[in-house]
Amino acid sequence: MPTLIMLSTLRDGADRDAYERWARDVDRPTVLALPSIDDWRLYRVASALGDGAEAPCDYVEIAKVNDLEQLERDLGTETAAELTRALHEHCEPPTFLTSEQVA
């Protein structure tokens, strides 16, 4: 099953609690309602391992995708555009990765 991974960083001055509340109350149920998504989780990055290592982002979002073609259609909807606008109020433009489990 393909996985969509999003790495995001809060904007300077953004309210962490407000972002996490929006993610829980708006983003999660909206994303889970998309036909292409089977599961969605958001993780706050606590730290990076290693001497002096700095975490590359503040949050990691992981979505299990059941159909990549449907995901493309879902991402072209007004619903996805609204989520993106709201996300950008809290975070810098994120990095999106698609992946497949190999081991």
Protein backbone atom coordinates (compact mmCIF):
# COMPACT_ATOMS: atom_id res chain seq x y z
CA MET A 1 0.00 0.00 0.00
CA PRO A 2 1.50 3.39 -0.95
CA THR A 3 2.14 5.84 1.84
CA LEU A 4 2.05 9.62 1.59
CA ILE A 5 4.49 11.31 3.97
CA MET A 6 4.41 15.04 4.63
CA LEU A 7 7.16 16.90 6.47
CA SER A 8 6.11 20.29 7.82
CA THR A 9 7.56 23.12 9.87
CA LEU A 10 5.55 25.68 11.79
CA ARG A 11 5.79 29.25 10.56
CA ASP A 12 7.61 31.70 12.82
CA GLY A 13 5.13 32.89 15.42
CA ALA A 14 2.57 30.16 14.67
CA ASP A 15 0.64 28.81 17.63
CA ARG A 16 1.51 25.11 18.07
CA ASP A 17 -1.69 24.39 20.03
CA ALA A 18 -3.85 26.05 17.38
CA TYR A 19 -2.18 24.01 14.63
CA GLU A 20 -2.57 20.74 16.50
CA ARG A 21 -6.20 21.54 17.30
CA TRP A 22 -6.87 22.30 13.60
CA ALA A 23 -5.06 19.10 12.59
CA ARG A 24 -7.13 17.02 15.00
CA ASP A 25 -10.53 18.68 14.50
CA VAL A 26 -10.45 19.63 10.80
CA ASP A 27 -7.55 18.12 8.87
CA ARG A 28 -7.80 14.54 10.17
CA PRO A 29 -11.54 13.98 9.58
CA THR A 30 -11.42 15.75 6.21
CA VAL A 31 -8.46 13.72 4.96
CA LEU A 32 -9.95 10.47 6.24
CA ALA A 33 -13.12 11.25 4.27
CA LEU A 34 -11.15 11.30 0.98
CA PRO A 35 -11.80 8.14 -1.04
CA SER A 36 -8.06 7.53 -1.56
CA ILE A 37 -7.07 7.54 2.13
CA ASP A 38 -7.39 4.56 4.49
CA ASP A 39 -5.50 5.94 7.48
CA TRP A 40 -3.99 9.27 8.55
CA ARG A 41 -1.74 10.17 11.47
CA LEU A 42 0.18 13.26 12.54
CA TYR A 43 3.31 13.07 14.67
CA ARG A 44 5.06 15.95 16.44
CA VAL A 45 8.83 15.56 16.07
CA ALA A 46 10.39 15.51 19.54
CA SER A 47 14.05 15.44 18.54
CA ALA A 48 16.62 14.13 16.12
CA LEU A 49 19.09 11.46 17.19
CA GLY A 50 22.81 12.11 17.04
CA ASP A 51 25.28 14.59 18.45
CA GLY A 52 23.93 18.03 17.73
CA ALA A 53 21.49 16.72 15.12
CA GLU A 54 18.68 19.13 14.37
CA ALA A 55 15.27 17.82 13.36
CA PRO A 56 14.49 18.68 9.72
CA CYS A 57 10.83 19.45 10.51
CA ASP A 58 8.34 19.92 13.33
CA TYR A 59 5.72 17.40 12.17
CA VAL A 60 5.45 14.23 10.12
CA GLU A 61 2.09 13.31 8.61
CA ILE A 62 1.59 9.78 7.34
CA ALA A 63 -1.36 8.74 5.20
CA LYS A 64 -2.04 5.24 3.89
CA VAL A 65 -3.18 5.56 0.28
CA ASN A 66 -5.36 2.90 -1.32
CA ASP A 67 -5.23 4.33 -4.87
CA LEU A 68 -2.62 6.80 -6.19
CA GLU A 69 -4.77 7.77 -9.18
CA GLN A 70 -7.67 8.56 -6.85
CA LEU A 71 -5.28 10.52 -4.63
CA GLU A 72 -4.39 12.71 -7.62
CA ARG A 73 -8.09 13.34 -8.22
CA ASP A 74 -8.66 14.04 -4.52
CA LEU A 75 -5.79 16.53 -4.44
CA GLY A 76 -7.40 18.45 -7.29
CA THR A 77 -10.61 19.14 -5.35
CA GLU A 78 -11.71 22.33 -3.61
CA THR A 79 -11.63 20.38 -0.34
CA ALA A 80 -7.90 19.73 -0.78
CA ALA A 81 -7.32 23.36 -1.79
CA GLU A 82 -9.07 24.55 1.40
CA LEU A 83 -6.93 22.22 3.53
CA THR A 84 -3.79 23.49 1.83
CA ARG A 85 -4.74 27.13 2.45
CA ALA A 86 -5.42 26.41 6.11
CA LEU A 87 -2.21 24.40 6.47
CA HIS A 88 -0.19 27.30 5.04
CA GLU A 89 -1.62 29.59 7.71
CA HIS A 90 0.20 27.45 10.28
CA CYS A 91 3.14 25.91 8.42
CA GLU A 92 5.71 26.64 5.78
CA PRO A 93 5.04 24.86 2.47
CA PRO A 94 5.56 21.18 3.31
CA THR A 95 7.54 18.47 1.57
CA PHE A 96 5.40 15.60 0.26
CA LEU A 97 6.84 12.15 -0.39
CA THR A 98 5.15 9.05 -1.76
CA SER A 99 6.65 5.78 -0.63
CA GLU A 100 6.15 2.04 -0.72
CA GLN A 101 7.13 -0.38 2.00
CA VAL A 102 9.90 -2.74 0.85
CA ALA A 103 10.83 -4.59 4.04
